[in-house]
Amino acid sequence: DIIVIYNGVNLEEFHPKNRALFREEIREEFNISNDEFLILFVGSGYRRKGLKYLIEAISLLKEEKLLKVLVVAKGKKRPYLRLAKRLGVKNRIVFTGGRKDLRKFYAASDLFVLPTIYEPFGNVCLETLASGLPIIVSRAGGAAEIITEGVNGLLLEDPRDSRELAEKIRLTFDNRVRNKLSKNARILAENFTVDENVKKTLEVYQQVISEKVGK
């Protein structure tokens, strides 16, 4: 049998209460007004994680004047800045470089997007959920296994389809949709604690030992 043990997340460190603590701090640092809808993208490996498709999706939402993307990671940004410039959205894409205290960025944002082509199960997804931040991820990523479409997140059938991504983003402009996703994201994350991860790992070891002893 194949047993899947999911990662665990620190529910105290990553918490919706951080929004009140850090939202203004991060927005002020990067000159993002409180009125702007802020999309968060986290992770190096821009090509695999689909940054190109997010930038293309943003170009399809030009009617939304108050819209920014914060890219938090180290990586070669020049090709993506050129793409953003060509599509007329360079002023909407902000690269922060590598940052350690991600909880502040979850707190400052309105939506997390990861249109990854391939991703086993990124910790950032659990951190996002625990922070109560609405999330859009690709079905090609491991996090899609735990997310229920329209309940605690939104799923992309094809991460390369920028139009699909743009439509999913547009859905979250509705406060009611965003509030529902936020509330249910936190509830979902509460099933994936570090303690639960350790407990299930020990259960597997105990099962293996019992089978060996029994032979």
C-alpha atoms as a PDB file:
ATOM      1  CA  ASP A   1       0.000   0.000   0.000  1.00  0.00           C
ATOM      2  CA  ILE A   2       1.032   3.586  -0.615  1.00  0.00           C
ATOM      3  CA  ILE A   3       0.455   5.888   2.345  1.00  0.00           C
ATOM      4  CA  VAL A   4       0.504   9.649   1.804  1.00  0.00           C
ATOM      5  CA  ILE A   5       1.575  11.809   4.734  1.00  0.00           C
ATOM      6  CA  TYR A   6       1.039  15.482   4.068  1.00  0.00           C
ATOM      7  CA  ASN A   7       3.235  18.266   5.384  1.00  0.00           C
ATOM      8  CA  GLY A   8       2.318  20.032   8.588  1.00  0.00           C
ATOM      9  CA  VAL A   9       1.969  23.774   9.170  1.00  0.00           C
ATOM     10  CA  ASN A  10       2.402  25.952  12.253  1.00  0.00           C
ATOM     11  CA  LEU A  11      -1.114  27.256  12.806  1.00  0.00           C
ATOM     12  CA  GLU A  12       0.006  29.940  15.252  1.00  0.00           C
ATOM     13  CA  GLU A  13       2.723  31.395  13.042  1.00  0.00           C
ATOM     14  CA  PHE A  14       0.488  31.419   9.974  1.00  0.00           C
ATOM     15  CA  HIS A  15      -2.834  32.831  11.113  1.00  0.00           C
ATOM     16  CA  PRO A  16      -5.523  35.223   9.811  1.00  0.00           C
ATOM     17  CA  LYS A  17      -4.809  37.540  12.761  1.00  0.00           C
ATOM     18  CA  ASN A  18      -1.523  38.476  11.046  1.00  0.00           C
ATOM     19  CA  ARG A  19      -3.523  40.555   8.589  1.00  0.00           C
ATOM     20  CA  ALA A  20      -4.149  43.230  11.197  1.00  0.00           C
ATOM     21  CA  LEU A  21      -0.515  43.113  12.310  1.00  0.00           C
ATOM     22  CA  PHE A  22       1.405  43.231   9.035  1.00  0.00           C
ATOM     23  CA  ARG A  23      -0.848  44.289   6.154  1.00  0.00           C
ATOM     24  CA  GLU A  24       0.048  47.973   6.256  1.00  0.00           C
ATOM     25  CA  GLU A  25       3.756  47.355   6.918  1.00  0.00           C
ATOM     26  CA  ILE A  26       4.341  45.349   3.739  1.00  0.00           C
ATOM     27  CA  ARG A  27       2.119  47.517   1.562  1.00  0.00           C
ATOM     28  CA  GLU A  28       3.930  50.650   2.678  1.00  0.00           C
ATOM     29  CA  GLU A  29       7.328  49.039   2.007  1.00  0.00           C
ATOM     30  CA  PHE A  30       6.399  48.313  -1.603  1.00  0.00           C
ATOM     31  CA  ASN A  31       4.255  51.405  -2.185  1.00  0.00           C
ATOM     32  CA  ILE A  32       1.005  49.472  -2.585  1.00  0.00           C
ATOM     33  CA  SER A  33      -2.116  51.308  -1.475  1.00  0.00           C
ATOM     34  CA  ASN A  34      -4.731  49.709   0.739  1.00  0.00           C
ATOM     35  CA  ASP A  35      -7.242  50.030  -2.115  1.00  0.00           C
ATOM     36  CA  GLU A  36      -5.198  47.884  -4.490  1.00  0.00           C
ATOM     37  CA  PHE A  37      -6.033  44.211  -4.940  1.00  0.00           C
ATOM     38  CA  LEU A  38      -2.778  42.396  -4.225  1.00  0.00           C
ATOM     39  CA  ILE A  39      -1.958  38.992  -5.705  1.00  0.00           C
ATOM     40  CA  LEU A  40       0.896  37.034  -4.141  1.00  0.00           C
ATOM     41  CA  PHE A  41       3.235  34.677  -6.014  1.00  0.00           C
ATOM     42  CA  VAL A  42       5.876  32.873  -3.930  1.00  0.00           C
ATOM     43  CA  GLY A  43       8.751  30.680  -5.043  1.00  0.00           C
ATOM     44  CA  SER A  44      11.820  30.526  -7.226  1.00  0.00           C
ATOM     45  CA  GLY A  45      11.796  28.374 -10.333  1.00  0.00           C
ATOM     46  CA  TYR A  46       9.593  30.891 -12.114  1.00  0.00           C
ATOM     47  CA  ARG A  47       9.247  28.774 -15.243  1.00  0.00           C
ATOM     48  CA  ARG A  48       8.025  25.647 -13.455  1.00  0.00           C
ATOM     49  CA  LYS A  49       5.771  27.589 -11.117  1.00  0.00           C
ATOM     50  CA  GLY A  50       4.073  29.392 -13.992  1.00  0.00           C
ATOM     51  CA  LEU A  51       4.909  33.051 -13.439  1.00  0.00           C
ATOM     52  CA  LYS A  52       4.612  33.597 -17.194  1.00  0.00           C
ATOM     53  CA  TYR A  53       0.981  32.497 -17.143  1.00  0.00           C
ATOM     54  CA  LEU A  54       0.156  34.757 -14.218  1.00  0.00           C
ATOM     55  CA  ILE A  55       1.630  37.786 -16.006  1.00  0.00           C
ATOM     56  CA  GLU A  56      -0.357  36.898 -19.125  1.00  0.00           C
ATOM     57  CA  ALA A  57      -3.520  36.607 -17.026  1.00  0.00           C
ATOM     58  CA  ILE A  58      -2.904  40.033 -15.496  1.00  0.00           C
ATOM     59  CA  SER A  59      -2.684  41.486 -19.018  1.00  0.00           C
ATOM     60  CA  LEU A  60      -6.226  40.204 -19.596  1.00  0.00           C
ATOM     61  CA  LEU A  61      -7.456  42.140 -16.563  1.00  0.00           C
ATOM     62  CA  LYS A  62      -6.370  45.605 -17.666  1.00  0.00           C
ATOM     63  CA  GLU A  63      -9.798  47.024 -16.866  1.00  0.00           C
ATOM     64  CA  GLU A  64      -8.983  46.428 -13.189  1.00  0.00           C
ATOM     65  CA  LYS A  65      -6.959  49.554 -12.468  1.00  0.00           C
ATOM     66  CA  LEU A  66      -6.142  48.743  -8.842  1.00  0.00           C
ATOM     67  CA  LEU A  67      -4.370  45.414  -9.300  1.00  0.00           C
ATOM     68  CA  LYS A  68      -0.803  44.438  -8.368  1.00  0.00           C
ATOM     69  CA  VAL A  69       1.254  41.243  -8.208  1.00  0.00           C
ATOM     70  CA  LEU A  70       3.953  40.724  -5.593  1.00  0.00           C
ATOM     71  CA  VAL A  71       6.583  38.144  -6.624  1.00  0.00           C
ATOM     72  CA  VAL A  72       8.459  36.937  -3.543  1.00  0.00           C
ATOM     73  CA  ALA A  73      11.525  34.863  -4.445  1.00  0.00           C
ATOM     74  CA  LYS A  74      14.998  34.930  -5.886  1.00  0.00           C
ATOM     75  CA  GLY A  75      15.206  34.341  -9.606  1.00  0.00           C
ATOM     76  CA  LYS A  76      16.058  35.745 -13.011  1.00  0.00           C
ATOM     77  CA  LYS A  77      13.418  38.411 -13.338  1.00  0.00           C
ATOM     78  CA  ARG A  78      14.526  40.118 -16.553  1.00  0.00           C
ATOM     79  CA  PRO A  79      12.650  37.823 -18.982  1.00  0.00           C
ATOM     80  CA  TYR A  80       9.470  38.295 -16.955  1.00  0.00           C
ATOM     81  CA  LEU A  81       9.848  42.050 -16.751  1.00  0.00           C
ATOM     82  CA  ARG A  82      10.307  42.101 -20.532  1.00  0.00           C
ATOM     83  CA  LEU A  83       7.153  40.021 -20.928  1.00  0.00           C
ATOM     84  CA  ALA A  84       5.239  42.299 -18.569  1.00  0.00           C
ATOM     85  CA  LYS A  85       6.458  45.367 -20.463  1.00  0.00           C
ATOM     86  CA  ARG A  86       5.464  43.867 -23.813  1.00  0.00           C
ATOM     87  CA  LEU A  87       1.988  43.104 -22.451  1.00  0.00           C
ATOM     88  CA  GLY A  88       1.632  46.556 -20.914  1.00  0.00           C
ATOM     89  CA  VAL A  89       1.565  45.478 -17.260  1.00  0.00           C
ATOM     90  CA  LYS A  90       5.137  46.069 -16.088  1.00  0.00           C
ATOM     91  CA  ASN A  91       3.968  48.623 -13.520  1.00  0.00           C
ATOM     92  CA  ARG A  92       1.749  45.966 -11.940  1.00  0.00           C
ATOM     93  CA  ILE A  93       4.467  43.384 -11.240  1.00  0.00           C
ATOM     94  CA  VAL A  94       6.660  43.944  -8.168  1.00  0.00           C
ATOM     95  CA  PHE A  95       9.673  41.708  -7.462  1.00  0.00           C
ATOM     96  CA  THR A  96      10.766  41.676  -3.813  1.00  0.00           C
ATOM     97  CA  GLY A  97      13.704  39.283  -4.023  1.00  0.00           C
ATOM     98  CA  GLY A  98      14.095  36.499  -1.468  1.00  0.00           C
ATOM     99  CA  ARG A  99      12.346  37.162   1.838  1.00  0.00           C
ATOM    100  CA  LYS A 100      12.238  35.051   4.984  1.00  0.00           C
ATOM    101  CA  ASP A 101       9.174  36.175   6.914  1.00  0.00           C
ATOM    102  CA  LEU A 102       6.479  35.048   4.480  1.00  0.00           C
ATOM    103  CA  ARG A 103       3.675  35.335   7.031  1.00  0.00           C
ATOM    104  CA  LYS A 104       3.816  39.110   6.533  1.00  0.00           C
ATOM    105  CA  PHE A 105       3.301  38.753   2.795  1.00  0.00           C
ATOM    106  CA  TYR A 106       0.343  36.408   3.216  1.00  0.00           C
ATOM    107  CA  ALA A 107      -1.118  38.987   5.600  1.00  0.00           C
ATOM    108  CA  ALA A 108      -0.660  41.846   3.135  1.00  0.00           C
ATOM    109  CA  SER A 109      -2.216  40.048   0.163  1.00  0.00           C
ATOM    110  CA  ASP A 110      -5.758  39.453  -1.069  1.00  0.00           C
ATOM    111  CA  LEU A 111      -5.091  36.335  -3.144  1.00  0.00           C
ATOM    112  CA  PHE A 112      -2.375  33.700  -3.595  1.00  0.00           C
ATOM    113  CA  VAL A 113      -1.804  32.283  -7.076  1.00  0.00           C
ATOM    114  CA  LEU A 114       0.418  29.349  -8.076  1.00  0.00           C
ATOM    115  CA  PRO A 115      -0.235  28.210 -11.680  1.00  0.00           C
ATOM    116  CA  THR A 116       2.492  25.596 -11.428  1.00  0.00           C
ATOM    117  CA  ILE A 117       3.230  23.099 -14.187  1.00  0.00           C
ATOM    118  CA  TYR A 118       4.508  20.652 -11.574  1.00  0.00           C
ATOM    119  CA  GLU A 119       4.701  20.867  -7.785  1.00  0.00           C
ATOM    120  CA  PRO A 120       4.802  17.894  -5.352  1.00  0.00           C
ATOM    121  CA  PHE A 121       3.245  19.662  -2.346  1.00  0.00           C
ATOM    122  CA  GLY A 122       4.633  23.098  -1.553  1.00  0.00           C
ATOM    123  CA  ASN A 123       4.686  24.285   2.040  1.00  0.00           C
ATOM    124  CA  VAL A 124       3.602  27.709   0.783  1.00  0.00           C
ATOM    125  CA  CYS A 125       0.173  26.305  -0.043  1.00  0.00           C
ATOM    126  CA  LEU A 126      -0.440  25.122   3.519  1.00  0.00           C
ATOM    127  CA  GLU A 127       0.923  28.399   4.873  1.00  0.00           C
ATOM    128  CA  THR A 128      -1.455  30.272   2.581  1.00  0.00           C
ATOM    129  CA  LEU A 129      -4.444  28.221   3.729  1.00  0.00           C
ATOM    130  CA  ALA A 130      -3.508  28.587   7.402  1.00  0.00           C
ATOM    131  CA  SER A 131      -3.250  32.353   6.909  1.00  0.00           C
ATOM    132  CA  GLY A 132      -6.818  32.418   5.609  1.00  0.00           C
ATOM    133  CA  LEU A 133      -5.679  33.732   2.237  1.00  0.00           C
ATOM    134  CA  PRO A 134      -7.799  32.714  -0.786  1.00  0.00           C
ATOM    135  CA  ILE A 135      -5.812  30.441  -3.079  1.00  0.00           C
ATOM    136  CA  ILE A 136      -5.717  29.521  -6.767  1.00  0.00           C
ATOM    137  CA  VAL A 137      -3.543  26.525  -7.647  1.00  0.00           C
ATOM    138  CA  SER A 138      -3.076  24.180 -10.558  1.00  0.00           C
ATOM    139  CA  ARG A 139      -4.421  20.636 -10.554  1.00  0.00           C
ATOM    140  CA  ALA A 140      -0.867  19.681 -11.545  1.00  0.00           C
ATOM    141  CA  GLY A 141       0.290  20.483  -8.006  1.00  0.00           C
ATOM    142  CA  GLY A 142       0.024  18.258  -4.948  1.00  0.00           C
ATOM    143  CA  ALA A 143      -2.016  20.818  -3.010  1.00  0.00           C
ATOM    144  CA  ALA A 144      -4.894  20.229  -5.424  1.00  0.00           C
ATOM    145  CA  GLU A 145      -5.460  16.878  -3.683  1.00  0.00           C
ATOM    146  CA  ILE A 146      -6.769  18.580  -0.553  1.00  0.00           C
ATOM    147  CA  ILE A 147      -8.621  21.539  -2.089  1.00  0.00           C
ATOM    148  CA  THR A 148     -12.302  21.412  -2.989  1.00  0.00           C
ATOM    149  CA  GLU A 149     -13.100  23.660  -5.946  1.00  0.00           C
ATOM    150  CA  GLY A 150     -15.114  26.709  -4.962  1.00  0.00           C
ATOM    151  CA  VAL A 151     -15.164  25.781  -1.275  1.00  0.00           C
ATOM    152  CA  ASN A 152     -11.680  26.354   0.135  1.00  0.00           C
ATOM    153  CA  GLY A 153      -9.821  27.292  -3.037  1.00  0.00           C
ATOM    154  CA  LEU A 154      -9.972  27.504  -6.819  1.00  0.00           C
ATOM    155  CA  LEU A 155      -8.335  24.971  -9.145  1.00  0.00           C
ATOM    156  CA  LEU A 156      -6.889  25.475 -12.614  1.00  0.00           C
ATOM    157  CA  GLU A 157      -7.518  22.687 -15.103  1.00  0.00           C
ATOM    158  CA  ASP A 158      -4.661  23.907 -17.295  1.00  0.00           C
ATOM    159  CA  PRO A 159      -2.055  26.208 -15.705  1.00  0.00           C
ATOM    160  CA  ARG A 160      -0.961  27.334 -19.177  1.00  0.00           C
ATOM    161  CA  ASP A 161      -4.436  28.690 -19.947  1.00  0.00           C
ATOM    162  CA  SER A 162      -4.077  32.350 -19.006  1.00  0.00           C
ATOM    163  CA  ARG A 163      -7.723  33.055 -19.831  1.00  0.00           C
ATOM    164  CA  GLU A 164      -8.887  30.442 -17.348  1.00  0.00           C
ATOM    165  CA  LEU A 165      -6.582  31.931 -14.723  1.00  0.00           C
ATOM    166  CA  ALA A 166      -7.846  35.451 -15.439  1.00  0.00           C
ATOM    167  CA  GLU A 167     -11.436  34.267 -14.951  1.00  0.00           C
ATOM    168  CA  LYS A 168     -10.562  32.586 -11.645  1.00  0.00           C
ATOM    169  CA  ILE A 169      -8.858  35.751 -10.440  1.00  0.00           C
ATOM    170  CA  ARG A 170     -11.886  37.804 -11.495  1.00  0.00           C
ATOM    171  CA  LEU A 171     -14.122  35.591  -9.333  1.00  0.00           C
ATOM    172  CA  THR A 172     -12.157  36.584  -6.243  1.00  0.00           C
ATOM    173  CA  PHE A 173     -12.832  40.283  -6.771  1.00  0.00           C
ATOM    174  CA  ASP A 174     -16.224  39.510  -5.188  1.00  0.00           C
ATOM    175  CA  ASN A 175     -15.890  40.052  -1.430  1.00  0.00           C
ATOM    176  CA  ARG A 176     -18.414  37.314  -0.682  1.00  0.00           C
ATOM    177  CA  VAL A 177     -16.444  34.748  -2.666  1.00  0.00           C
ATOM    178  CA  ARG A 178     -13.187  35.841  -1.088  1.00  0.00           C
ATOM    179  CA  ASN A 179     -14.574  35.738   2.449  1.00  0.00           C
ATOM    180  CA  LYS A 180     -15.943  32.232   1.911  1.00  0.00           C
ATOM    181  CA  LEU A 181     -12.643  30.948   0.529  1.00  0.00           C
ATOM    182  CA  SER A 182     -10.715  32.628   3.339  1.00  0.00           C
ATOM    183  CA  LYS A 183     -12.813  31.129   6.125  1.00  0.00           C
ATOM    184  CA  ASN A 184     -12.793  27.629   4.650  1.00  0.00           C
ATOM    185  CA  ALA A 185      -9.077  27.777   3.851  1.00  0.00           C
ATOM    186  CA  ARG A 186      -8.273  28.177   7.531  1.00  0.00           C
ATOM    187  CA  ILE A 187     -10.645  25.356   8.493  1.00  0.00           C
ATOM    188  CA  LEU A 188      -8.940  23.074   5.961  1.00  0.00           C
ATOM    189  CA  ALA A 189      -5.449  23.952   7.212  1.00  0.00           C
ATOM    190  CA  GLU A 190      -6.378  22.963  10.752  1.00  0.00           C
ATOM    191  CA  ASN A 191      -6.303  19.327   9.590  1.00  0.00           C
ATOM    192  CA  PHE A 192      -2.627  19.613   8.649  1.00  0.00           C
ATOM    193  CA  THR A 193      -0.758  20.409  11.841  1.00  0.00           C
ATOM    194  CA  VAL A 194       2.859  19.505  12.552  1.00  0.00           C
ATOM    195  CA  ASP A 195       1.626  17.226  15.358  1.00  0.00           C
ATOM    196  CA  GLU A 196      -0.636  15.369  12.934  1.00  0.00           C
ATOM    197  CA  ASN A 197       2.276  14.936  10.530  1.00  0.00           C
ATOM    198  CA  VAL A 198       4.459  13.453  13.295  1.00  0.00           C
ATOM    199  CA  LYS A 199       1.628  11.218  14.518  1.00  0.00           C
ATOM    200  CA  LYS A 200       0.995   9.713  11.086  1.00  0.00           C
ATOM    201  CA  THR A 201       4.706   9.234  10.451  1.00  0.00           C
ATOM    202  CA  LEU A 202       5.071   7.319  13.721  1.00  0.00           C
ATOM    203  CA  GLU A 203       2.036   5.197  12.859  1.00  0.00           C
ATOM    204  CA  VAL A 204       3.694   4.135   9.607  1.00  0.00           C
ATOM    205  CA  TYR A 205       6.940   3.230  11.392  1.00  0.00           C
ATOM    206  CA  GLN A 206       5.016   1.252  14.004  1.00  0.00           C
ATOM    207  CA  GLN A 207       3.091  -0.585  11.306  1.00  0.00           C
ATOM    208  CA  VAL A 208       6.283  -1.532   9.474  1.00  0.00           C
ATOM    209  CA  ILE A 209       7.951  -2.707  12.701  1.00  0.00           C
ATOM    210  CA  SER A 210       4.890  -4.784  13.648  1.00  0.00           C
ATOM    211  CA  GLU A 211       4.868  -6.461  10.245  1.00  0.00           C
ATOM    212  CA  LYS A 212       8.578  -7.275  10.519  1.00  0.00           C
ATOM    213  CA  VAL A 213       8.213  -8.697  14.026  1.00  0.00           C
ATOM    214  CA  GLY A 214       5.192 -10.730  12.998  1.00  0.00           C
ATOM    215  CA  LYS A 215       7.076 -12.564  10.246  1.00  0.00           C
END
